[in-house]
Amino acid sequence: FTTGEKIPEGEISGKVPNFGQKDRILIGLATGEWRPDSLFGHL
């Protein structure tokens, strides 16, 4: 939801290769500075 006037229309989708049904897999999208020590902080 948004407190603004518009919801963005962009979409990113895919499938994890070699997926096992018992796997628990997280997919994140990061923006900003992509340094190894700060990557997950920019999710």
ModelCIF file with pLDDT and N, C-alpha, C, O atoms, coordinates in Angstrom:
data_MODEL
#
_entry.id   MODEL 
#
_entity.id                         1 
_entity.type                       polymer 
_entity.pdbx_number_of_molecules   1 
#
_entity_poly.entity_id                      1 
_entity_poly.type                           'polypeptide(L)' 
_entity_poly.nstd_linkage                   no 
_entity_poly.nstd_monomer                   no 
_entity_poly.pdbx_seq_one_letter_code       FTTGEKIPEGEISGKVPNFGQKDRILIGLATGEWRPDSLFGHL 
_entity_poly.pdbx_seq_one_letter_code_can   FTTGEKIPEGEISGKVPNFGQKDRILIGLATGEWRPDSLFGHL 
_entity_poly.pdbx_strand_id                 A 
#
loop_
_entity_poly_seq.entity_id 
_entity_poly_seq.num 
_entity_poly_seq.mon_id 
_entity_poly_seq.hetero 
1 1  PHE n 
1 2  THR n 
1 3  THR n 
1 4  GLY n 
1 5  GLU n 
1 6  LYS n 
1 7  ILE n 
1 8  PRO n 
1 9  GLU n 
1 10 GLY n 
1 11 GLU n 
1 12 ILE n 
1 13 SER n 
1 14 GLY n 
1 15 LYS n 
1 16 VAL n 
1 17 PRO n 
1 18 ASN n 
1 19 PHE n 
1 20 GLY n 
1 21 GLN n 
1 22 LYS n 
1 23 ASP n 
1 24 ARG n 
1 25 ILE n 
1 26 LEU n 
1 27 ILE n 
1 28 GLY n 
1 29 LEU n 
1 30 ALA n 
1 31 THR n 
1 32 GLY n 
1 33 GLU n 
1 34 TRP n 
1 35 ARG n 
1 36 PRO n 
1 37 ASP n 
1 38 SER n 
1 39 LEU n 
1 40 PHE n 
1 41 GLY n 
1 42 HIS n 
1 43 LEU n 
#
_struct_asym.id          A 
_struct_asym.entity_id   1 
#
loop_
_ma_qa_metric.id 
_ma_qa_metric.mode 
_ma_qa_metric.name 
_ma_qa_metric.software_group_id 
_ma_qa_metric.type 
1 global pLDDT . pLDDT 
2 local  pLDDT . pLDDT 
#
_ma_qa_metric_global.metric_id      1 
_ma_qa_metric_global.metric_value   73.93 
_ma_qa_metric_global.model_id       1 
_ma_qa_metric_global.ordinal_id     1 
#
loop_
_ma_qa_metric_local.label_asym_id 
_ma_qa_metric_local.label_comp_id 
_ma_qa_metric_local.label_seq_id 
_ma_qa_metric_local.metric_id 
_ma_qa_metric_local.metric_value 
_ma_qa_metric_local.model_id 
_ma_qa_metric_local.ordinal_id 
A PHE 1  2 95.00 1 1  
A THR 2  2 94.00 1 2  
A THR 3  2 96.00 1 3  
A GLY 4  2 94.00 1 4  
A GLU 5  2 93.00 1 5  
A LYS 6  2 92.00 1 6  
A ILE 7  2 90.00 1 7  
A PRO 8  2 86.00 1 8  
A GLU 9  2 84.00 1 9  
A GLY 10 2 83.00 1 10 
A GLU 11 2 83.00 1 11 
A ILE 12 2 82.00 1 12 
A SER 13 2 83.00 1 13 
A GLY 14 2 83.00 1 14 
A LYS 15 2 83.00 1 15 
A VAL 16 2 79.00 1 16 
A PRO 17 2 76.00 1 17 
A ASN 18 2 75.00 1 18 
A PHE 19 2 72.00 1 19 
A GLY 20 2 69.00 1 20 
A GLN 21 2 65.00 1 21 
A LYS 22 2 64.00 1 22 
A ASP 23 2 65.00 1 23 
A ARG 24 2 67.00 1 24 
A ILE 25 2 76.00 1 25 
A LEU 26 2 76.00 1 26 
A ILE 27 2 80.00 1 27 
A GLY 28 2 78.00 1 28 
A LEU 29 2 78.00 1 29 
A ALA 30 2 74.00 1 30 
A THR 31 2 72.00 1 31 
A GLY 32 2 62.00 1 32 
A GLU 33 2 58.00 1 33 
A TRP 34 2 56.00 1 34 
A ARG 35 2 56.00 1 35 
A PRO 36 2 52.00 1 36 
A ASP 37 2 52.00 1 37 
A SER 38 2 53.00 1 38 
A LEU 39 2 54.00 1 39 
A PHE 40 2 55.00 1 40 
A GLY 41 2 58.00 1 41 
A HIS 42 2 65.00 1 42 
A LEU 43 2 71.00 1 43 
#
loop_
_atom_site.group_PDB 
_atom_site.id 
_atom_site.type_symbol 
_atom_site.label_atom_id 
_atom_site.label_alt_id 
_atom_site.label_comp_id 
_atom_site.label_asym_id 
_atom_site.label_entity_id 
_atom_site.label_seq_id 
_atom_site.pdbx_PDB_ins_code 
_atom_site.Cartn_x 
_atom_site.Cartn_y 
_atom_site.Cartn_z 
_atom_site.occupancy 
_atom_site.B_iso_or_equiv 
_atom_site.pdbx_formal_charge 
_atom_site.auth_seq_id 
_atom_site.auth_comp_id 
_atom_site.auth_asym_id 
_atom_site.auth_atom_id 
_atom_site.pdbx_PDB_model_num 
ATOM 1   N N  . PHE A 1 1  ? 0.865  -1.181  0.000   1.00 95.00 ? 1  PHE A N  1 
ATOM 2   C CA . PHE A 1 1  ? 0.000  0.000   0.000   1.00 95.00 ? 1  PHE A CA 1 
ATOM 3   C C  . PHE A 1 1  ? 0.896  1.223   0.000   1.00 95.00 ? 1  PHE A C  1 
ATOM 4   O O  . PHE A 1 1  ? 2.103  1.114   0.215   1.00 95.00 ? 1  PHE A O  1 
ATOM 5   N N  . THR A 1 2  ? 0.312  2.379   -0.239  1.00 94.00 ? 2  THR A N  1 
ATOM 6   C CA . THR A 1 2  ? 1.087  3.609   -0.210  1.00 94.00 ? 2  THR A CA 1 
ATOM 7   C C  . THR A 1 2  ? 0.301  4.736   0.444   1.00 94.00 ? 2  THR A C  1 
ATOM 8   O O  . THR A 1 2  ? -0.926 4.799   0.359   1.00 94.00 ? 2  THR A O  1 
ATOM 9   N N  . THR A 1 3  ? 1.037  5.614   1.094   1.00 96.00 ? 3  THR A N  1 
ATOM 10  C CA . THR A 1 3  ? 0.433  6.838   1.618   1.00 96.00 ? 3  THR A CA 1 
ATOM 11  C C  . THR A 1 3  ? 0.437  7.924   0.557   1.00 96.00 ? 3  THR A C  1 
ATOM 12  O O  . THR A 1 3  ? -0.111 9.007   0.766   1.00 96.00 ? 3  THR A O  1 
ATOM 13  N N  . GLY A 1 4  ? 1.062  7.632   -0.596  1.00 94.00 ? 4  GLY A N  1 
ATOM 14  C CA . GLY A 1 4  ? 1.088  8.574   -1.710  1.00 94.00 ? 4  GLY A CA 1 
ATOM 15  C C  . GLY A 1 4  ? -0.053 8.329   -2.679  1.00 94.00 ? 4  GLY A C  1 
ATOM 16  O O  . GLY A 1 4  ? -1.059 7.709   -2.335  1.00 94.00 ? 4  GLY A O  1 
ATOM 17  N N  . GLU A 1 5  ? 0.121  8.825   -3.895  1.00 93.00 ? 5  GLU A N  1 
ATOM 18  C CA . GLU A 1 5  ? -0.971 8.795   -4.871  1.00 93.00 ? 5  GLU A CA 1 
ATOM 19  C C  . GLU A 1 5  ? -0.895 7.645   -5.856  1.00 93.00 ? 5  GLU A C  1 
ATOM 20  O O  . GLU A 1 5  ? -1.870 7.386   -6.562  1.00 93.00 ? 5  GLU A O  1 
ATOM 21  N N  . LYS A 1 6  ? 0.243  6.937   -5.928  1.00 92.00 ? 6  LYS A N  1 
ATOM 22  C CA . LYS A 1 6  ? 0.388  5.924   -6.972  1.00 92.00 ? 6  LYS A CA 1 
ATOM 23  C C  . LYS A 1 6  ? 1.236  4.747   -6.498  1.00 92.00 ? 6  LYS A C  1 
ATOM 24  O O  . LYS A 1 6  ? 2.229  4.919   -5.791  1.00 92.00 ? 6  LYS A O  1 
ATOM 25  N N  . ILE A 1 7  ? 0.816  3.536   -6.908  1.00 90.00 ? 7  ILE A N  1 
ATOM 26  C CA . ILE A 1 7  ? 1.597  2.324   -6.668  1.00 90.00 ? 7  ILE A CA 1 
ATOM 27  C C  . ILE A 1 7  ? 2.465  2.078   -7.902  1.00 90.00 ? 7  ILE A C  1 
ATOM 28  O O  . ILE A 1 7  ? 1.942  2.072   -9.017  1.00 90.00 ? 7  ILE A O  1 
ATOM 29  N N  . PRO A 1 8  ? 3.770  1.875   -7.737  1.00 86.00 ? 8  PRO A N  1 
ATOM 30  C CA . PRO A 1 8  ? 4.621  1.578   -8.899  1.00 86.00 ? 8  PRO A CA 1 
ATOM 31  C C  . PRO A 1 8  ? 4.160  0.313   -9.614  1.00 86.00 ? 8  PRO A C  1 
ATOM 32  O O  . PRO A 1 8  ? 3.593  -0.586  -8.993  1.00 86.00 ? 8  PRO A O  1 
ATOM 33  N N  . GLU A 1 9  ? 4.404  0.246   -10.915 1.00 84.00 ? 9  GLU A N  1 
ATOM 34  C CA . GLU A 1 9  ? 3.936  -0.883  -11.715 1.00 84.00 ? 9  GLU A CA 1 
ATOM 35  C C  . GLU A 1 9  ? 5.040  -1.886  -12.055 1.00 84.00 ? 9  GLU A C  1 
ATOM 36  O O  . GLU A 1 9  ? 4.773  -2.887  -12.720 1.00 84.00 ? 9  GLU A O  1 
ATOM 37  N N  . GLY A 1 10 ? 6.273  -1.637  -11.611 1.00 83.00 ? 10 GLY A N  1 
ATOM 38  C CA . GLY A 1 10 ? 7.383  -2.523  -11.932 1.00 83.00 ? 10 GLY A CA 1 
ATOM 39  C C  . GLY A 1 10 ? 7.235  -3.900  -11.296 1.00 83.00 ? 10 GLY A C  1 
ATOM 40  O O  . GLY A 1 10 ? 6.667  -4.029  -10.211 1.00 83.00 ? 10 GLY A O  1 
ATOM 41  N N  . GLU A 1 11 ? 7.742  -4.921  -11.965 1.00 83.00 ? 11 GLU A N  1 
ATOM 42  C CA . GLU A 1 11 ? 7.674  -6.294  -11.462 1.00 83.00 ? 11 GLU A CA 1 
ATOM 43  C C  . GLU A 1 11 ? 8.955  -7.040  -11.824 1.00 83.00 ? 11 GLU A C  1 
ATOM 44  O O  . GLU A 1 11 ? 9.453  -6.928  -12.944 1.00 83.00 ? 11 GLU A O  1 
ATOM 45  N N  . ILE A 1 12 ? 9.477  -7.795  -10.875 1.00 82.00 ? 12 ILE A N  1 
ATOM 46  C CA . ILE A 1 12 ? 10.640 -8.661  -11.088 1.00 82.00 ? 12 ILE A CA 1 
ATOM 47  C C  . ILE A 1 12 ? 10.261 -10.055 -10.613 1.00 82.00 ? 12 ILE A C  1 
ATOM 48  O O  . ILE A 1 12 ? 9.795  -10.217 -9.486  1.00 82.00 ? 12 ILE A O  1 
ATOM 49  N N  . SER A 1 13 ? 10.454 -11.059 -11.456 1.00 83.00 ? 13 SER A N  1 
ATOM 50  C CA . SER A 1 13 ? 10.073 -12.423 -11.081 1.00 83.00 ? 13 SER A CA 1 
ATOM 51  C C  . SER A 1 13 ? 11.078 -13.404 -11.661 1.00 83.00 ? 13 SER A C  1 
ATOM 52  O O  . SER A 1 13 ? 11.869 -13.058 -12.538 1.00 83.00 ? 13 SER A O  1 
ATOM 53  N N  . GLY A 1 14 ? 11.036 -14.624 -11.162 1.00 83.00 ? 14 GLY A N  1 
ATOM 54  C CA . GLY A 1 14 ? 11.946 -15.648 -11.655 1.00 83.00 ? 14 GLY A CA 1 
ATOM 55  C C  . GLY A 1 14 ? 11.754 -16.949 -10.927 1.00 83.00 ? 14 GLY A C  1 
ATOM 56  O O  . GLY A 1 14 ? 10.807 -17.109 -10.156 1.00 83.00 ? 14 GLY A O  1 
ATOM 57  N N  . LYS A 1 15 ? 12.651 -17.880 -11.170 1.00 83.00 ? 15 LYS A N  1 
ATOM 58  C CA . LYS A 1 15 ? 12.613 -19.200 -10.542 1.00 83.00 ? 15 LYS A CA 1 
ATOM 59  C C  . LYS A 1 15 ? 14.029 -19.579 -10.132 1.00 83.00 ? 15 LYS A C  1 
ATOM 60  O O  . LYS A 1 15 ? 14.974 -19.413 -10.902 1.00 83.00 ? 15 LYS A O  1 
ATOM 61  N N  . VAL A 1 16 ? 14.165 -20.085 -8.924  1.00 79.00 ? 16 VAL A N  1 
ATOM 62  C CA . VAL A 1 16 ? 15.464 -20.515 -8.417  1.00 79.00 ? 16 VAL A CA 1 
ATOM 63  C C  . VAL A 1 16 ? 15.829 -21.856 -9.050  1.00 79.00 ? 16 VAL A C  1 
ATOM 64  O O  . VAL A 1 16 ? 15.040 -22.797 -8.958  1.00 79.00 ? 16 VAL A O  1 
ATOM 65  N N  . PRO A 1 17 ? 16.995 -21.981 -9.689  1.00 76.00 ? 17 PRO A N  1 
ATOM 66  C CA . PRO A 1 17 ? 17.372 -23.251 -10.307 1.00 76.00 ? 17 PRO A CA 1 
ATOM 67  C C  . PRO A 1 17 ? 17.684 -24.321 -9.264  1.00 76.00 ? 17 PRO A C  1 
ATOM 68  O O  . PRO A 1 17 ? 18.081 -24.014 -8.140  1.00 76.00 ? 17 PRO A O  1 
ATOM 69  N N  . ASN A 1 18 ? 17.499 -25.564 -9.650  1.00 75.00 ? 18 ASN A N  1 
ATOM 70  C CA . ASN A 1 18 ? 17.804 -26.716 -8.786  1.00 75.00 ? 18 ASN A CA 1 
ATOM 71  C C  . ASN A 1 18 ? 17.091 -26.612 -7.442  1.00 75.00 ? 18 ASN A C  1 
ATOM 72  O O  . ASN A 1 18 ? 17.653 -26.924 -6.392  1.00 75.00 ? 18 ASN A O  1 
ATOM 73  N N  . PHE A 1 19 ? 15.847 -26.168 -7.505  1.00 72.00 ? 19 PHE A N  1 
ATOM 74  C CA . PHE A 1 19 ? 15.082 -25.961 -6.274  1.00 72.00 ? 19 PHE A CA 1 
ATOM 75  C C  . PHE A 1 19 ? 14.576 -27.284 -5.721  1.00 72.00 ? 19 PHE A C  1 
ATOM 76  O O  . PHE A 1 19 ? 14.064 -28.118 -6.467  1.00 72.00 ? 19 PHE A O  1 
ATOM 77  N N  . GLY A 1 20 ? 14.720 -27.476 -4.411  1.00 69.00 ? 20 GLY A N  1 
ATOM 78  C CA . GLY A 1 20 ? 14.160 -28.625 -3.720  1.00 69.00 ? 20 GLY A CA 1 
ATOM 79  C C  . GLY A 1 20 ? 12.945 -28.200 -2.922  1.00 69.00 ? 20 GLY A C  1 
ATOM 80  O O  . GLY A 1 20 ? 12.948 -27.114 -2.343  1.00 69.00 ? 20 GLY A O  1 
ATOM 81  N N  . GLN A 1 21 ? 11.908 -29.018 -2.872  1.00 65.00 ? 21 GLN A N  1 
ATOM 82  C CA . GLN A 1 21 ? 10.652 -28.616 -2.231  1.00 65.00 ? 21 GLN A CA 1 
ATOM 83  C C  . GLN A 1 21 ? 10.805 -28.336 -0.742  1.00 65.00 ? 21 GLN A C  1 
ATOM 84  O O  . GLN A 1 21 ? 9.969  -27.645 -0.160  1.00 65.00 ? 21 GLN A O  1 
ATOM 85  N N  . LYS A 1 22 ? 11.856 -28.858 -0.115  1.00 64.00 ? 22 LYS A N  1 
ATOM 86  C CA . LYS A 1 22 ? 12.069 -28.605 1.301   1.00 64.00 ? 22 LYS A CA 1 
ATOM 87  C C  . LYS A 1 22 ? 12.940 -27.378 1.546   1.00 64.00 ? 22 LYS A C  1 
ATOM 88  O O  . LYS A 1 22 ? 13.176 -26.999 2.693   1.00 64.00 ? 22 LYS A O  1 
ATOM 89  N N  . ASP A 1 23 ? 13.417 -26.759 0.468   1.00 65.00 ? 23 ASP A N  1 
ATOM 90  C CA . ASP A 1 23 ? 14.275 -25.582 0.609   1.00 65.00 ? 23 ASP A CA 1 
ATOM 91  C C  . ASP A 1 23 ? 13.477 -24.384 1.113   1.00 65.00 ? 23 ASP A C  1 
ATOM 92  O O  . ASP A 1 23 ? 12.313 -24.207 0.753   1.00 65.00 ? 23 ASP A O  1 
ATOM 93  N N  . ARG A 1 24 ? 14.107 -23.569 1.945   1.00 67.00 ? 24 ARG A N  1 
ATOM 94  C CA . ARG A 1 24 ? 13.569 -22.277 2.355   1.00 67.00 ? 24 ARG A CA 1 
ATOM 95  C C  . ARG A 1 24 ? 14.539 -21.229 1.821   1.00 67.00 ? 24 ARG A C  1 
ATOM 96  O O  . ARG A 1 24 ? 15.650 -21.100 2.334   1.00 67.00 ? 24 ARG A O  1 
ATOM 97  N N  . ILE A 1 25 ? 14.145 -20.501 0.826   1.00 76.00 ? 25 ILE A N  1 
ATOM 98  C CA . ILE A 1 25 ? 15.053 -19.614 0.112   1.00 76.00 ? 25 ILE A CA 1 
ATOM 99  C C  . ILE A 1 25 ? 14.517 -18.189 0.143   1.00 76.00 ? 25 ILE A C  1 
ATOM 100 O O  . ILE A 1 25 ? 13.348 -17.945 -0.154  1.00 76.00 ? 25 ILE A O  1 
ATOM 101 N N  . LEU A 1 26 ? 15.391 -17.252 0.509   1.00 76.00 ? 26 LEU A N  1 
ATOM 102 C CA . LEU A 1 26 ? 15.046 -15.837 0.529   1.00 76.00 ? 26 LEU A CA 1 
ATOM 103 C C  . LEU A 1 26 ? 15.608 -15.157 -0.708  1.00 76.00 ? 26 LEU A C  1 
ATOM 104 O O  . LEU A 1 26 ? 16.741 -15.416 -1.113  1.00 76.00 ? 26 LEU A O  1 
ATOM 105 N N  . ILE A 1 27 ? 14.804 -14.282 -1.304  1.00 80.00 ? 27 ILE A N  1 
ATOM 106 C CA . ILE A 1 27 ? 15.228 -13.481 -2.437  1.00 80.00 ? 27 ILE A CA 1 
ATOM 107 C C  . ILE A 1 27 ? 15.120 -12.010 -2.023  1.00 80.00 ? 27 ILE A C  1 
ATOM 108 O O  . ILE A 1 27 ? 14.059 -11.559 -1.594  1.00 80.00 ? 27 ILE A O  1 
ATOM 109 N N  . GLY A 1 28 ? 16.212 -11.276 -2.152  1.00 78.00 ? 28 GLY A N  1 
ATOM 110 C CA . GLY A 1 28 ? 16.199 -9.873  -1.780  1.00 78.00 ? 28 GLY A CA 1 
ATOM 111 C C  . GLY A 1 28 ? 16.530 -8.977  -2.953  1.00 78.00 ? 28 GLY A C  1 
ATOM 112 O O  . GLY A 1 28 ? 17.227 -9.393  -3.878  1.00 78.00 ? 28 GLY A O  1 
ATOM 113 N N  . LEU A 1 29 ? 16.037 -7.753  -2.925  1.00 78.00 ? 29 LEU A N  1 
ATOM 114 C CA . LEU A 1 29 ? 16.408 -6.722  -3.900  1.00 78.00 ? 29 LEU A CA 1 
ATOM 115 C C  . LEU A 1 29 ? 17.092 -5.594  -3.139  1.00 78.00 ? 29 LEU A C  1 
ATOM 116 O O  . LEU A 1 29 ? 16.535 -5.030  -2.197  1.00 78.00 ? 29 LEU A O  1 
ATOM 117 N N  . ALA A 1 30 ? 18.306 -5.277  -3.564  1.00 74.00 ? 30 ALA A N  1 
ATOM 118 C CA . ALA A 1 30 ? 19.083 -4.239  -2.900  1.00 74.00 ? 30 ALA A CA 1 
ATOM 119 C C  . ALA A 1 30 ? 19.279 -3.057  -3.829  1.00 74.00 ? 30 ALA A C  1 
ATOM 120 O O  . ALA A 1 30 ? 19.385 -3.218  -5.045  1.00 74.00 ? 30 ALA A O  1 
ATOM 121 N N  . THR A 1 31 ? 19.326 -1.871  -3.246  1.00 72.00 ? 31 THR A N  1 
ATOM 122 C CA . THR A 1 31 ? 19.603 -0.650  -3.995  1.00 72.00 ? 31 THR A CA 1 
ATOM 123 C C  . THR A 1 31 ? 20.698 0.115   -3.271  1.00 72.00 ? 31 THR A C  1 
ATOM 124 O O  . THR A 1 31 ? 21.082 -0.232  -2.154  1.00 72.00 ? 31 THR A O  1 
ATOM 125 N N  . GLY A 1 32 ? 21.189 1.149   -3.915  1.00 62.00 ? 32 GLY A N  1 
ATOM 126 C CA . GLY A 1 32 ? 22.198 1.987   -3.270  1.00 62.00 ? 32 GLY A CA 1 
ATOM 127 C C  . GLY A 1 32 ? 23.595 1.427   -3.459  1.00 62.00 ? 32 GLY A C  1 
ATOM 128 O O  . GLY A 1 32 ? 23.899 0.831   -4.492  1.00 62.00 ? 32 GLY A O  1 
ATOM 129 N N  . GLU A 1 33 ? 24.438 1.619   -2.466  1.00 58.00 ? 33 GLU A N  1 
ATOM 130 C CA . GLU A 1 33 ? 25.829 1.187   -2.534  1.00 58.00 ? 33 GLU A CA 1 
ATOM 131 C C  . GLU A 1 33 ? 25.903 -0.319  -2.328  1.00 58.00 ? 33 GLU A C  1 
ATOM 132 O O  . GLU A 1 33 ? 25.369 -0.845  -1.352  1.00 58.00 ? 33 GLU A O  1 
ATOM 133 N N  . TRP A 1 34 ? 26.560 -1.002  -3.240  1.00 56.00 ? 34 TRP A N  1 
ATOM 134 C CA . TRP A 1 34 ? 26.602 -2.456  -3.208  1.00 56.00 ? 34 TRP A CA 1 
ATOM 135 C C  . TRP A 1 34 ? 27.940 -2.978  -2.719  1.00 56.00 ? 34 TRP A C  1 
ATOM 136 O O  . TRP A 1 34 ? 28.507 -3.890  -3.321  1.00 56.00 ? 34 TRP A O  1 
ATOM 137 N N  . ARG A 1 35 ? 28.443 -2.418  -1.651  1.00 56.00 ? 35 ARG A N  1 
ATOM 138 C CA . ARG A 1 35 ? 29.663 -2.932  -1.036  1.00 56.00 ? 35 ARG A CA 1 
ATOM 139 C C  . ARG A 1 35 ? 29.346 -4.204  -0.267  1.00 56.00 ? 35 ARG A C  1 
ATOM 140 O O  . ARG A 1 35 ? 28.246 -4.318  0.275   1.00 56.00 ? 35 ARG A O  1 
ATOM 141 N N  . PRO A 1 36 ? 30.266 -5.170  -0.195  1.00 52.00 ? 36 PRO A N  1 
ATOM 142 C CA . PRO A 1 36 ? 30.004 -6.430  0.505   1.00 52.00 ? 36 PRO A CA 1 
ATOM 143 C C  . PRO A 1 36 ? 29.604 -6.246  1.959   1.00 52.00 ? 36 PRO A C  1 
ATOM 144 O O  . PRO A 1 36 ? 28.821 -7.033  2.492   1.00 52.00 ? 36 PRO A O  1 
ATOM 145 N N  . ASP A 1 37 ? 30.139 -5.202  2.613   1.00 52.00 ? 37 ASP A N  1 
ATOM 146 C CA . ASP A 1 37 ? 29.843 -5.025  4.034   1.00 52.00 ? 37 ASP A CA 1 
ATOM 147 C C  . ASP A 1 37 ? 28.552 -4.264  4.286   1.00 52.00 ? 37 ASP A C  1 
ATOM 148 O O  . ASP A 1 37 ? 28.157 -4.082  5.438   1.00 52.00 ? 37 ASP A O  1 
ATOM 149 N N  . SER A 1 38 ? 27.881 -3.810  3.210   1.00 53.00 ? 38 SER A N  1 
ATOM 150 C CA . SER A 1 38 ? 26.652 -3.043  3.425   1.00 53.00 ? 38 SER A CA 1 
ATOM 151 C C  . SER A 1 38 ? 25.516 -3.496  2.535   1.00 53.00 ? 38 SER A C  1 
ATOM 152 O O  . SER A 1 38 ? 24.442 -2.896  2.555   1.00 53.00 ? 38 SER A O  1 
ATOM 153 N N  . LEU A 1 39 ? 25.730 -4.553  1.747   1.00 54.00 ? 39 LEU A N  1 
ATOM 154 C CA . LEU A 1 39 ? 24.750 -4.964  0.741   1.00 54.00 ? 39 LEU A CA 1 
ATOM 155 C C  . LEU A 1 39 ? 23.400 -5.289  1.355   1.00 54.00 ? 39 LEU A C  1 
ATOM 156 O O  . LEU A 1 39 ? 22.370 -4.787  0.906   1.00 54.00 ? 39 LEU A O  1 
ATOM 157 N N  . PHE A 1 40 ? 23.405 -6.140  2.392   1.00 55.00 ? 40 PHE A N  1 
ATOM 158 C CA . PHE A 1 40 ? 22.138 -6.555  2.986   1.00 55.00 ? 40 PHE A CA 1 
ATOM 159 C C  . PHE A 1 40 ? 21.488 -5.415  3.764   1.00 55.00 ? 40 PHE A C  1 
ATOM 160 O O  . PHE A 1 40 ? 20.284 -5.452  4.019   1.00 55.00 ? 40 PHE A O  1 
ATOM 161 N N  . GLY A 1 41 ? 22.261 -4.413  4.140   1.00 58.00 ? 41 GLY A N  1 
ATOM 162 C CA . GLY A 1 41 ? 21.685 -3.255  4.805   1.00 58.00 ? 41 GLY A CA 1 
ATOM 163 C C  . GLY A 1 41 ? 20.922 -2.358  3.857   1.00 58.00 ? 41 GLY A C  1 
ATOM 164 O O  . GLY A 1 41 ? 20.206 -1.461  4.303   1.00 58.00 ? 41 GLY A O  1 
ATOM 165 N N  . HIS A 1 42 ? 21.058 -2.578  2.537   1.00 65.00 ? 42 HIS A N  1 
ATOM 166 C CA . HIS A 1 42 ? 20.363 -1.767  1.548   1.00 65.00 ? 42 HIS A CA 1 
ATOM 167 C C  . HIS A 1 42 ? 19.201 -2.513  0.907   1.00 65.00 ? 42 HIS A C  1 
ATOM 168 O O  . HIS A 1 42 ? 18.711 -2.103  -0.146  1.00 65.00 ? 42 HIS A O  1 
ATOM 169 N N  . LEU A 1 43 ? 18.758 -3.588  1.517   1.00 71.00 ? 43 LEU A N  1 
ATOM 170 C CA . LEU A 1 43 ? 17.618 -4.316  0.974   1.00 71.00 ? 43 LEU A CA 1 
ATOM 171 C C  . LEU A 1 43 ? 16.390 -3.414  0.934   1.00 71.00 ? 43 LEU A C  1 
ATOM 172 O O  . LEU A 1 43 ? 15.320 -3.846  0.505   1.00 71.00 ? 43 LEU A O  1 
#
